[in-house]
């Protein structure tokens, strides 16, 4: 069996199947064709929407990753500044605590 005859047989079977389907369901071939065309167009539009949504998600993930990296750097800087501040005020806090302790001991 040659490929040409096989393709012709498949085409004939598909055509007969479609004709039978349209006859059994009592559908007009033109109306059915418009419905199929509309369905294909809608599916194509839906696939395009999905692709655009995927692209937006990828873009937003990239932005989020960048923002997280920037946030980590900011937190590191803040932590360093807090440590410097605590180092600078530690002697004063110790002096205040010592004075408070001394006052409490004199009141007792």
PDB file of N, CA and C in Angstrom:
ATOM      1  N   UNK A   1       0.840  -1.163   0.000  1.00  0.00           N
ATOM      2  CA  UNK A   1       0.000   0.000   0.000  1.00  0.00           C
ATOM      3  C   UNK A   1       0.896   1.240   0.000  1.00  0.00           C
ATOM      4  N   UNK A   2       0.629   2.156  -0.897  1.00  0.00           N
ATOM      5  CA  UNK A   2       1.461   3.348  -1.005  1.00  0.00           C
ATOM      6  C   UNK A   2       0.961   4.420  -0.040  1.00  0.00           C
ATOM      7  N   UNK A   3       1.823   5.370   0.220  1.00  0.00           N
ATOM      8  CA  UNK A   3       1.492   6.453   1.139  1.00  0.00           C
ATOM      9  C   UNK A   3       0.341   7.276   0.586  1.00  0.00           C
ATOM     10  N   UNK A   4       0.313   7.500  -0.717  1.00  0.00           N
ATOM     11  CA  UNK A   4      -0.758   8.283  -1.345  1.00  0.00           C
ATOM     12  C   UNK A   4      -2.111   7.641  -1.128  1.00  0.00           C
ATOM     13  N   UNK A   5      -2.175   6.334  -1.303  1.00  0.00           N
ATOM     14  CA  UNK A   5      -3.453   5.638  -1.105  1.00  0.00           C
ATOM     15  C   UNK A   5      -3.858   5.674   0.366  1.00  0.00           C
ATOM     16  N   UNK A   6      -2.867   5.568   1.253  1.00  0.00           N
ATOM     17  CA  UNK A   6      -3.160   5.629   2.680  1.00  0.00           C
ATOM     18  C   UNK A   6      -3.739   6.992   3.058  1.00  0.00           C
ATOM     19  N   UNK A   7      -3.110   8.056   2.587  1.00  0.00           N
ATOM     20  CA  UNK A   7      -3.585   9.415   2.878  1.00  0.00           C
ATOM     21  C   UNK A   7      -4.974   9.617   2.292  1.00  0.00           C
ATOM     22  N   UNK A   8      -5.201   9.138   1.074  1.00  0.00           N
ATOM     23  CA  UNK A   8      -6.521   9.258   0.449  1.00  0.00           C
ATOM     24  C   UNK A   8      -7.564   8.496   1.254  1.00  0.00           C
ATOM     25  N   UNK A   9      -7.224   7.310   1.743  1.00  0.00           N
ATOM     26  CA  UNK A   9      -8.139   6.508   2.552  1.00  0.00           C
ATOM     27  C   UNK A   9      -8.480   7.199   3.862  1.00  0.00           C
ATOM     28  N   UNK A  10      -7.467   7.770   4.502  1.00  0.00           N
ATOM     29  CA  UNK A  10      -7.694   8.489   5.755  1.00  0.00           C
ATOM     30  C   UNK A  10      -8.571   9.697   5.506  1.00  0.00           C
ATOM     31  N   UNK A  11      -8.309  10.430   4.431  1.00  0.00           N
ATOM     32  CA  UNK A  11      -9.118  11.606   4.087  1.00  0.00           C
ATOM     33  C   UNK A  11     -10.563  11.218   3.796  1.00  0.00           C
ATOM     34  N   UNK A  12     -10.755  10.142   3.050  1.00  0.00           N
ATOM     35  CA  UNK A  12     -12.105   9.666   2.733  1.00  0.00           C
ATOM     36  C   UNK A  12     -12.832   9.224   3.997  1.00  0.00           C
ATOM     37  N   UNK A  13     -12.145   8.527   4.884  1.00  0.00           N
ATOM     38  CA  UNK A  13     -12.757   8.077   6.138  1.00  0.00           C
ATOM     39  C   UNK A  13     -13.140   9.268   7.008  1.00  0.00           C
ATOM     40  N   UNK A  14     -12.282  10.271   7.063  1.00  0.00           N
ATOM     41  CA  UNK A  14     -12.584  11.465   7.855  1.00  0.00           C
ATOM     42  C   UNK A  14     -13.786  12.194   7.274  1.00  0.00           C
ATOM     43  N   UNK A  15     -13.831  12.314   5.956  1.00  0.00           N
ATOM     44  CA  UNK A  15     -14.964  12.977   5.298  1.00  0.00           C
ATOM     45  C   UNK A  15     -16.274  12.242   5.538  1.00  0.00           C
ATOM     46  N   UNK A  16     -16.241  10.910   5.410  1.00  0.00           N
ATOM     47  CA  UNK A  16     -17.441  10.114   5.659  1.00  0.00           C
ATOM     48  C   UNK A  16     -17.866  10.202   7.126  1.00  0.00           C
ATOM     49  N   UNK A  17     -16.899  10.198   8.021  1.00  0.00           N
ATOM     50  CA  UNK A  17     -17.196  10.323   9.442  1.00  0.00           C
ATOM     51  C   UNK A  17     -17.840  11.666   9.751  1.00  0.00           C
ATOM     52  N   UNK A  18     -17.312  12.739   9.148  1.00  0.00           N
ATOM     53  CA  UNK A  18     -17.877  14.068   9.352  1.00  0.00           C
ATOM     54  C   UNK A  18     -19.289  14.152   8.783  1.00  0.00           C
ATOM     55  N   UNK A  19     -19.472  13.618   7.581  1.00  0.00           N
ATOM     56  CA  UNK A  19     -20.806  13.634   6.962  1.00  0.00           C
ATOM     57  C   UNK A  19     -21.805  12.865   7.823  1.00  0.00           C
ATOM     58  N   UNK A  20     -21.385  11.736   8.353  1.00  0.00           N
ATOM     59  CA  UNK A  20     -22.269  10.943   9.216  1.00  0.00           C
ATOM     60  C   UNK A  20     -22.593  11.717  10.487  1.00  0.00           C
ATOM     61  N   UNK A  21     -21.602  12.315  11.071  1.00  0.00           N
ATOM     62  CA  UNK A  21     -21.793  13.097  12.301  1.00  0.00           C
ATOM     63  C   UNK A  21     -22.784  14.233  12.061  1.00  0.00           C
ATOM     64  N   UNK A  22     -22.597  14.962  10.958  1.00  0.00           N
ATOM     65  CA  UNK A  22     -23.487  16.092  10.662  1.00  0.00           C
ATOM     66  C   UNK A  22     -24.913  15.613  10.395  1.00  0.00           C
ATOM     67  N   UNK A  23     -25.033  14.474   9.760  1.00  0.00           N
ATOM     68  CA  UNK A  23     -26.365  13.935   9.469  1.00  0.00           C
ATOM     69  C   UNK A  23     -27.053  13.486  10.753  1.00  0.00           C
ATOM     70  N   UNK A  24     -26.332  12.767  11.594  1.00  0.00           N
ATOM     71  CA  UNK A  24     -26.922  12.246  12.827  1.00  0.00           C
ATOM     72  C   UNK A  24     -27.305  13.391  13.768  1.00  0.00           C
ATOM     73  N   UNK A  25     -26.457  14.412  13.882  1.00  0.00           N
ATOM     74  CA  UNK A  25     -26.733  15.529  14.789  1.00  0.00           C
ATOM     75  C   UNK A  25     -27.583  16.608  14.141  1.00  0.00           C
ATOM     76  N   UNK A  26     -27.934  16.416  12.863  1.00  0.00           N
ATOM     77  CA  UNK A  26     -28.797  17.348  12.112  1.00  0.00           C
ATOM     78  C   UNK A  26     -28.244  18.773  12.131  1.00  0.00           C
ATOM     79  N   UNK A  27     -26.962  18.875  11.808  1.00  0.00           N
ATOM     80  CA  UNK A  27     -26.305  20.182  11.770  1.00  0.00           C
ATOM     81  C   UNK A  27     -26.028  20.590  10.329  1.00  0.00           C
ATOM     82  N   UNK A  28     -26.103  21.894  10.094  1.00  0.00           N
ATOM     83  CA  UNK A  28     -25.764  22.457   8.789  1.00  0.00           C
ATOM     84  C   UNK A  28     -24.232  22.498   8.685  1.00  0.00           C
ATOM     85  N   UNK A  29     -23.662  22.045   7.593  1.00  0.00           N
ATOM     86  CA  UNK A  29     -22.196  22.045   7.468  1.00  0.00           C
ATOM     87  C   UNK A  29     -21.586  23.446   7.602  1.00  0.00           C
ATOM     88  N   UNK A  30     -22.272  24.468   7.078  1.00  0.00           N
ATOM     89  CA  UNK A  30     -21.729  25.830   7.185  1.00  0.00           C
ATOM     90  C   UNK A  30     -21.736  26.307   8.641  1.00  0.00           C
ATOM     91  N   UNK A  31     -22.822  26.036   9.334  1.00  0.00           N
ATOM     92  CA  UNK A  31     -22.905  26.427  10.742  1.00  0.00           C
ATOM     93  C   UNK A  31     -21.844  25.683  11.551  1.00  0.00           C
ATOM     94  N   UNK A  32     -21.708  24.390  11.293  1.00  0.00           N
ATOM     95  CA  UNK A  32     -20.684  23.598  11.977  1.00  0.00           C
ATOM     96  C   UNK A  32     -19.300  24.152  11.673  1.00  0.00           C
ATOM     97  N   UNK A  33     -19.052  24.511  10.420  1.00  0.00           N
ATOM     98  CA  UNK A  33     -17.756  25.067  10.021  1.00  0.00           C
ATOM     99  C   UNK A  33     -17.469  26.381  10.739  1.00  0.00           C
ATOM    100  N   UNK A  34     -18.499  27.241  10.864  1.00  0.00           N
ATOM    101  CA  UNK A  34     -18.314  28.513  11.583  1.00  0.00           C
ATOM    102  C   UNK A  34     -18.002  28.262  13.063  1.00  0.00           C
ATOM    103  N   UNK A  35     -18.702  27.285  13.643  1.00  0.00           N
ATOM    104  CA  UNK A  35     -18.456  26.963  15.053  1.00  0.00           C
ATOM    105  C   UNK A  35     -17.026  26.463  15.254  1.00  0.00           C
ATOM    106  N   UNK A  36     -16.594  25.600  14.349  1.00  0.00           N
ATOM    107  CA  UNK A  36     -15.227  25.072  14.444  1.00  0.00           C
ATOM    108  C   UNK A  36     -14.224  26.205  14.272  1.00  0.00           C
ATOM    109  N   UNK A  37     -14.467  27.075  13.295  1.00  0.00           N
ATOM    110  CA  UNK A  37     -13.563  28.205  13.057  1.00  0.00           C
ATOM    111  C   UNK A  37     -13.518  29.108  14.295  1.00  0.00           C
ATOM    112  N   UNK A  38     -14.690  29.392  14.869  1.00  0.00           N
ATOM    113  CA  UNK A  38     -14.740  30.226  16.076  1.00  0.00           C
ATOM    114  C   UNK A  38     -13.991  29.547  17.235  1.00  0.00           C
ATOM    115  N   UNK A  39     -14.180  28.244  17.371  1.00  0.00           N
ATOM    116  CA  UNK A  39     -13.508  27.493  18.433  1.00  0.00           C
ATOM    117  C   UNK A  39     -11.989  27.546  18.256  1.00  0.00           C
ATOM    118  N   UNK A  40     -11.540  27.382  17.023  1.00  0.00           N
ATOM    119  CA  UNK A  40     -10.095  27.432  16.749  1.00  0.00           C
ATOM    120  C   UNK A  40      -9.557  28.828  17.036  1.00  0.00           C
ATOM    121  N   UNK A  41     -10.285  29.855  16.617  1.00  0.00           N
ATOM    122  CA  UNK A  41      -9.862  31.237  16.863  1.00  0.00           C
ATOM    123  C   UNK A  41      -9.805  31.527  18.359  1.00  0.00           C
ATOM    124  N   UNK A  42     -10.814  31.072  19.089  1.00  0.00           N
ATOM    125  CA  UNK A  42     -10.847  31.281  20.545  1.00  0.00           C
ATOM    126  C   UNK A  42      -9.704  30.543  21.233  1.00  0.00           C
ATOM    127  N   UNK A  43      -9.433  29.316  20.810  1.00  0.00           N
ATOM    128  CA  UNK A  43      -8.334  28.541  21.388  1.00  0.00           C
ATOM    129  C   UNK A  43      -7.000  29.232  21.120  1.00  0.00           C
ATOM    130  N   UNK A  44      -6.839  29.749  19.914  1.00  0.00           N
ATOM    131  CA  UNK A  44      -5.609  30.466  19.565  1.00  0.00           C
ATOM    132  C   UNK A  44      -5.456  31.703  20.445  1.00  0.00           C
ATOM    133  N   UNK A  45      -6.544  32.454  20.651  1.00  0.00           N
ATOM    134  CA  UNK A  45      -6.500  33.640  21.512  1.00  0.00           C
ATOM    135  C   UNK A  45      -6.179  33.242  22.954  1.00  0.00           C
ATOM    136  N   UNK A  46      -6.774  32.148  23.421  1.00  0.00           N
ATOM    137  CA  UNK A  46      -6.506  31.679  24.785  1.00  0.00           C
ATOM    138  C   UNK A  46      -5.044  31.290  24.954  1.00  0.00           C
ATOM    139  N   UNK A  47      -4.489  30.628  23.954  1.00  0.00           N
ATOM    140  CA  UNK A  47      -3.077  30.240  24.018  1.00  0.00           C
ATOM    141  C   UNK A  47      -2.174  31.470  24.038  1.00  0.00           C
ATOM    142  N   UNK A  48      -2.548  32.477  23.273  1.00  0.00           N
ATOM    143  CA  UNK A  48      -1.785  33.733  23.266  1.00  0.00           C
ATOM    144  C   UNK A  48      -1.858  34.389  24.642  1.00  0.00           C
ATOM    145  N   UNK A  49      -3.052  34.392  25.247  1.00  0.00           N
ATOM    146  CA  UNK A  49      -3.209  34.949  26.594  1.00  0.00           C
ATOM    147  C   UNK A  49      -2.349  34.202  27.603  1.00  0.00           C
ATOM    148  N   UNK A  50      -2.306  32.892  27.492  1.00  0.00           N
ATOM    149  CA  UNK A  50      -1.491  32.081  28.403  1.00  0.00           C
ATOM    150  C   UNK A  50      -0.015  32.421  28.224  1.00  0.00           C
ATOM    151  N   UNK A  51       0.414  32.592  26.980  1.00  0.00           N
ATOM    152  CA  UNK A  51       1.818  32.940  26.715  1.00  0.00           C
ATOM    153  C   UNK A  51       2.150  34.296  27.323  1.00  0.00           C
ATOM    154  N   UNK A  52       1.253  35.275  27.146  1.00  0.00           N
ATOM    155  CA  UNK A  52       1.490  36.599  27.721  1.00  0.00           C
ATOM    156  C   UNK A  52       1.518  36.532  29.249  1.00  0.00           C
ATOM    157  N   UNK A  53       0.623  35.745  29.832  1.00  0.00           N
ATOM    158  CA  UNK A  53       0.609  35.591  31.291  1.00  0.00           C
ATOM    159  C   UNK A  53       1.912  34.959  31.772  1.00  0.00           C
ATOM    160  N   UNK A  54       2.386  33.959  31.050  1.00  0.00           N
ATOM    161  CA  UNK A  54       3.654  33.307  31.399  1.00  0.00           C
ATOM    162  C   UNK A  54       4.796  34.318  31.344  1.00  0.00           C
ATOM    163  N   UNK A  55       4.816  35.146  30.300  1.00  0.00           N
ATOM    164  CA  UNK A  55       5.863  36.160  30.175  1.00  0.00           C
ATOM    165  C   UNK A  55       5.807  37.160  31.331  1.00  0.00           C
ATOM    166  N   UNK A  56       4.576  37.544  31.740  1.00  0.00           N
ATOM    167  CA  UNK A  56       4.435  38.473  32.862  1.00  0.00           C
ATOM    168  C   UNK A  56       4.917  37.833  34.159  1.00  0.00           C
ATOM    169  N   UNK A  57       4.613  36.558  34.358  1.00  0.00           N
ATOM    170  CA  UNK A  57       5.057  35.863  35.565  1.00  0.00           C
ATOM    171  C   UNK A  57       6.585  35.807  35.607  1.00  0.00           C
ATOM    172  N   UNK A  58       7.199  35.487  34.479  1.00  0.00           N
ATOM    173  CA  UNK A  58       8.670  35.423  34.429  1.00  0.00           C
ATOM    174  C   UNK A  58       9.259  36.794  34.743  1.00  0.00           C
ATOM    175  N   UNK A  59       8.671  37.845  34.172  1.00  0.00           N
ATOM    176  CA  UNK A  59       9.150  39.201  34.426  1.00  0.00           C
ATOM    177  C   UNK A  59       8.998  39.568  35.908  1.00  0.00           C
ATOM    178  N   UNK A  60       7.855  39.230  36.485  1.00  0.00           N
ATOM    179  CA  UNK A  60       7.615  39.559  37.893  1.00  0.00           C
ATOM    180  C   UNK A  60       8.521  38.760  38.824  1.00  0.00           C
ATOM    181  N   UNK A  61       8.822  37.516  38.471  1.00  0.00           N
ATOM    182  CA  UNK A  61       9.744  36.713  39.289  1.00  0.00           C
ATOM    183  C   UNK A  61      11.133  37.335  39.252  1.00  0.00           C
ATOM    184  N   UNK A  62      11.544  37.823  38.099  1.00  0.00           N
ATOM    185  CA  UNK A  62      12.837  38.491  37.975  1.00  0.00           C
ATOM    186  C   UNK A  62      12.871  39.745  38.844  1.00  0.00           C
ATOM    187  N   UNK A  63      11.790  40.532  38.788  1.00  0.00           N
ATOM    188  CA  UNK A  63      11.718  41.746  39.613  1.00  0.00           C
ATOM    189  C   UNK A  63      11.738  41.391  41.098  1.00  0.00           C
ATOM    190  N   UNK A  64      11.007  40.352  41.475  1.00  0.00           N
ATOM    191  CA  UNK A  64      10.962  39.926  42.879  1.00  0.00           C
ATOM    192  C   UNK A  64      12.336  39.487  43.358  1.00  0.00           C
ATOM    193  N   UNK A  65      13.042  38.730  42.543  1.00  0.00           N
ATOM    194  CA  UNK A  65      14.389  38.276  42.898  1.00  0.00           C
ATOM    195  C   UNK A  65      15.307  39.471  43.128  1.00  0.00           C
ATOM    196  N   UNK A  66      15.221  40.440  42.235  1.00  0.00           N
ATOM    197  CA  UNK A  66      16.036  41.648  42.370  1.00  0.00           C
ATOM    198  C   UNK A  66      15.679  42.410  43.640  1.00  0.00           C
ATOM    199  N   UNK A  67      14.379  42.540  43.920  1.00  0.00           N
ATOM    200  CA  UNK A  67      13.937  43.252  45.123  1.00  0.00           C
ATOM    201  C   UNK A  67      14.401  42.530  46.385  1.00  0.00           C
ATOM    202  N   UNK A  68      14.367  41.211  46.380  1.00  0.00           N
ATOM    203  CA  UNK A  68      14.826  40.446  47.544  1.00  0.00           C
ATOM    204  C   UNK A  68      16.322  40.645  47.777  1.00  0.00           C
ATOM    205  N   UNK A  69      17.082  40.670  46.694  1.00  0.00           N
ATOM    206  CA  UNK A  69      18.520  40.898  46.832  1.00  0.00           C
ATOM    207  C   UNK A  69      18.781  42.295  47.394  1.00  0.00           C
ATOM    208  N   UNK A  70      18.052  43.295  46.879  1.00  0.00           N
ATOM    209  CA  UNK A  70      18.203  44.658  47.383  1.00  0.00           C
ATOM    210  C   UNK A  70      17.795  44.735  48.852  1.00  0.00           C
ATOM    211  N   UNK A  71      16.706  44.056  49.213  1.00  0.00           N
ATOM    212  CA  UNK A  71      16.244  44.051  50.596  1.00  0.00           C
ATOM    213  C   UNK A  71      17.254  43.407  51.529  1.00  0.00           C
ATOM    214  N   UNK A  72      17.876  42.338  51.074  1.00  0.00           N
ATOM    215  CA  UNK A  72      18.902  41.670  51.884  1.00  0.00           C
ATOM    216  C   UNK A  72      20.075  42.603  52.134  1.00  0.00           C
ATOM    217  N   UNK A  73      20.486  43.324  51.110  1.00  0.00           N
ATOM    218  CA  UNK A  73      21.584  44.277  51.268  1.00  0.00           C
ATOM    219  C   UNK A  73      21.198  45.389  52.242  1.00  0.00           C
ATOM    220  N   UNK A  74      19.967  45.873  52.134  1.00  0.00           N
ATOM    221  CA  UNK A  74      19.501  46.935  53.036  1.00  0.00           C
ATOM    222  C   UNK A  74      19.470  46.434  54.483  1.00  0.00           C
ATOM    223  N   UNK A  75      18.973  45.220  54.693  1.00  0.00           N
ATOM    224  CA  UNK A  75      18.932  44.662  56.048  1.00  0.00           C
ATOM    225  C   UNK A  75      20.334  44.483  56.624  1.00  0.00           C
ATOM    226  N   UNK A  76      21.262  44.062  55.790  1.00  0.00           N
ATOM    227  CA  UNK A  76      22.643  43.909  56.241  1.00  0.00           C
ATOM    228  C   UNK A  76      23.214  45.258  56.659  1.00  0.00           C
ATOM    229  N   UNK A  77      22.943  46.289  55.875  1.00  0.00           N
ATOM    230  CA  UNK A  77      23.419  47.634  56.195  1.00  0.00           C
ATOM    231  C   UNK A  77      22.797  48.133  57.502  1.00  0.00           C
ATOM    232  N   UNK A  78      21.499  47.926  57.659  1.00  0.00           N
ATOM    233  CA  UNK A  78      20.812  48.347  58.890  1.00  0.00           C
ATOM    234  C   UNK A  78      21.382  47.619  60.101  1.00  0.00           C
ATOM    235  N   UNK A  79      21.592  46.323  59.977  1.00  0.00           N
ATOM    236  CA  UNK A  79      22.151  45.540  61.085  1.00  0.00           C
ATOM    237  C   UNK A  79      23.537  46.053  61.463  1.00  0.00           C
ATOM    238  N   UNK A  80      24.342  46.381  60.477  1.00  0.00           N
ATOM    239  CA  UNK A  80      25.681  46.908  60.736  1.00  0.00           C
ATOM    240  C   UNK A  80      25.581  48.246  61.474  1.00  0.00           C
ATOM    241  N   UNK A  81      24.655  49.095  61.038  1.00  0.00           N
ATOM    242  CA  UNK A  81      24.491  50.397  61.692  1.00  0.00           C
ATOM    243  C   UNK A  81      23.980  50.238  63.127  1.00  0.00           C
ATOM    244  N   UNK A  82      23.104  49.290  63.369  1.00  0.00           N
ATOM    245  CA  UNK A  82      22.618  49.024  64.724  1.00  0.00           C
ATOM    246  C   UNK A  82      23.775  48.579  65.611  1.00  0.00           C
ATOM    247  N   UNK A  83      24.615  47.700  65.091  1.00  0.00           N
ATOM    248  CA  UNK A  83      25.760  47.228  65.865  1.00  0.00           C
ATOM    249  C   UNK A  83      26.703  48.381  66.201  1.00  0.00           C
ATOM    250  N   UNK A  84      26.923  49.284  65.240  1.00  0.00           N
ATOM    251  CA  UNK A  84      27.774  50.448  65.499  1.00  0.00           C
ATOM    252  C   UNK A  84      27.143  51.349  66.567  1.00  0.00           C
ATOM    253  N   UNK A  85      25.831  51.565  66.487  1.00  0.00           N
ATOM    254  CA  UNK A  85      25.134  52.406  67.453  1.00  0.00           C
ATOM    255  C   UNK A  85      25.220  51.795  68.850  1.00  0.00           C
ATOM    256  N   UNK A  86      24.997  50.484  68.939  1.00  0.00           N
ATOM    257  CA  UNK A  86      25.069  49.817  70.233  1.00  0.00           C
ATOM    258  C   UNK A  86      26.479  49.911  70.814  1.00  0.00           C
ATOM    259  N   UNK A  87      27.481  49.802  69.954  1.00  0.00           N
ATOM    260  CA  UNK A  87      28.865  49.909  70.416  1.00  0.00           C
ATOM    261  C   UNK A  87      29.134  51.303  70.978  1.00  0.00           C
ATOM    262  N   UNK A  88      28.578  52.328  70.278  1.00  0.00           N
ATOM    263  CA  UNK A  88      28.818  53.709  70.715  1.00  0.00           C
ATOM    264  C   UNK A  88      28.074  54.032  72.009  1.00  0.00           C
ATOM    265  N   UNK A  89      26.885  53.524  72.203  1.00  0.00           N
ATOM    266  CA  UNK A  89      26.107  53.890  73.386  1.00  0.00           C
ATOM    267  C   UNK A  89      26.328  52.931  74.563  1.00  0.00           C
ATOM    268  N   UNK A  90      27.012  51.842  74.338  1.00  0.00           N
ATOM    269  CA  UNK A  90      27.214  50.845  75.404  1.00  0.00           C
ATOM    270  C   UNK A  90      27.848  51.456  76.657  1.00  0.00           C
ATOM    271  N   UNK A  91      28.901  52.291  76.540  1.00  0.00           N
ATOM    272  CA  UNK A  91      29.478  52.878  77.766  1.00  0.00           C
ATOM    273  C   UNK A  91      28.479  53.773  78.502  1.00  0.00           C
ATOM    274  N   UNK A  92      27.665  54.499  77.765  1.00  0.00           N
ATOM    275  CA  UNK A  92      26.675  55.378  78.413  1.00  0.00           C
ATOM    276  C   UNK A  92      25.591  54.565  79.112  1.00  0.00           C
ATOM    277  N   UNK A  93      25.130  53.507  78.468  1.00  0.00           N
ATOM    278  CA  UNK A  93      24.113  52.644  79.073  1.00  0.00           C
ATOM    279  C   UNK A  93      24.674  52.010  80.335  1.00  0.00           C
ATOM    280  N   UNK A  94      25.929  51.596  80.288  1.00  0.00           N
ATOM    281  CA  UNK A  94      26.553  50.991  81.474  1.00  0.00           C
ATOM    282  C   UNK A  94      26.630  52.009  82.610  1.00  0.00           C
ATOM    283  N   UNK A  95      26.972  53.268  82.281  1.00  0.00           N
ATOM    284  CA  UNK A  95      27.057  54.309  83.312  1.00  0.00           C
ATOM    285  C   UNK A  95      25.681  54.585  83.900  1.00  0.00           C
ATOM    286  N   UNK A  96      24.641  54.619  83.078  1.00  0.00           N
ATOM    287  CA  UNK A  96      23.273  54.844  83.554  1.00  0.00           C
ATOM    288  C   UNK A  96      22.851  53.696  84.463  1.00  0.00           C
ATOM    289  N   UNK A  97      23.112  52.468  84.053  1.00  0.00           N
ATOM    290  CA  UNK A  97      22.738  51.308  84.869  1.00  0.00           C
ATOM    291  C   UNK A  97      23.475  51.316  86.206  1.00  0.00           C
ATOM    292  N   UNK A  98      24.724  51.722  86.156  1.00  0.00           N
ATOM    293  CA  UNK A  98      25.502  51.798  87.394  1.00  0.00           C
ATOM    294  C   UNK A  98      24.923  52.853  88.331  1.00  0.00           C
ATOM    295  N   UNK A  99      24.528  54.001  87.778  1.00  0.00           N
ATOM    296  CA  UNK A  99      23.942  55.065  88.592  1.00  0.00           C
ATOM    297  C   UNK A  99      22.617  54.621  89.184  1.00  0.00           C
ATOM    298  N   UNK A 100      21.781  53.979  88.380  1.00  0.00           N
ATOM    299  CA  UNK A 100      20.496  53.484  88.860  1.00  0.00           C
ATOM    300  C   UNK A 100      20.714  52.452  89.959  1.00  0.00           C
ATOM    301  N   UNK A 101      21.645  51.567  89.763  1.00  0.00           N
ATOM    302  CA  UNK A 101      21.940  50.550  90.774  1.00  0.00           C
ATOM    303  C   UNK A 101      22.435  51.203  92.067  1.00  0.00           C
ATOM    304  N   UNK A 102      23.300  52.216  91.921  1.00  0.00           N
ATOM    305  CA  UNK A 102      23.825  52.924  93.086  1.00  0.00           C
ATOM    306  C   UNK A 102      22.696  53.618  93.848  1.00  0.00           C
ATOM    307  N   UNK A 103      21.767  54.265  93.115  1.00  0.00           N
ATOM    308  CA  UNK A 103      20.627  54.937  93.748  1.00  0.00           C
ATOM    309  C   UNK A 103      19.711  53.944  94.456  1.00  0.00           C
ATOM    310  N   UNK A 104      19.486  52.797  93.839  1.00  0.00           N
ATOM    311  CA  UNK A 104      18.648  51.776  94.445  1.00  0.00           C
ATOM    312  C   UNK A 104      19.271  51.240  95.727  1.00  0.00           C
ATOM    313  N   UNK A 105      20.574  51.096  95.718  1.00  0.00           N
ATOM    314  CA  UNK A 105      21.273  50.605  96.924  1.00  0.00           C
ATOM    315  C   UNK A 105      21.190  51.622  98.056  1.00  0.00           C
ATOM    316  N   UNK A 106      21.259  52.915  97.744  1.00  0.00           N
ATOM    317  CA  UNK A 106      21.175  53.969  98.785  1.00  0.00           C
ATOM    318  C   UNK A 106      19.778  54.100  99.333  1.00  0.00           C
ATOM    319  N   UNK A 107      18.776  53.809  98.518  1.00  0.00           N
ATOM    320  CA  UNK A 107      17.373  53.920  98.978  1.00  0.00           C
ATOM    321  C   UNK A 107      17.015  52.755  99.890  1.00  0.00           C
ATOM    322  N   UNK A 108      17.657  51.640  99.731  1.00  0.00           N
ATOM    323  CA  UNK A 108      17.322  50.450 100.524  1.00  0.00           C
ATOM    324  C   UNK A 108      17.798  50.519 101.918  1.00  0.00           C
TER     325      UNK A 108
END
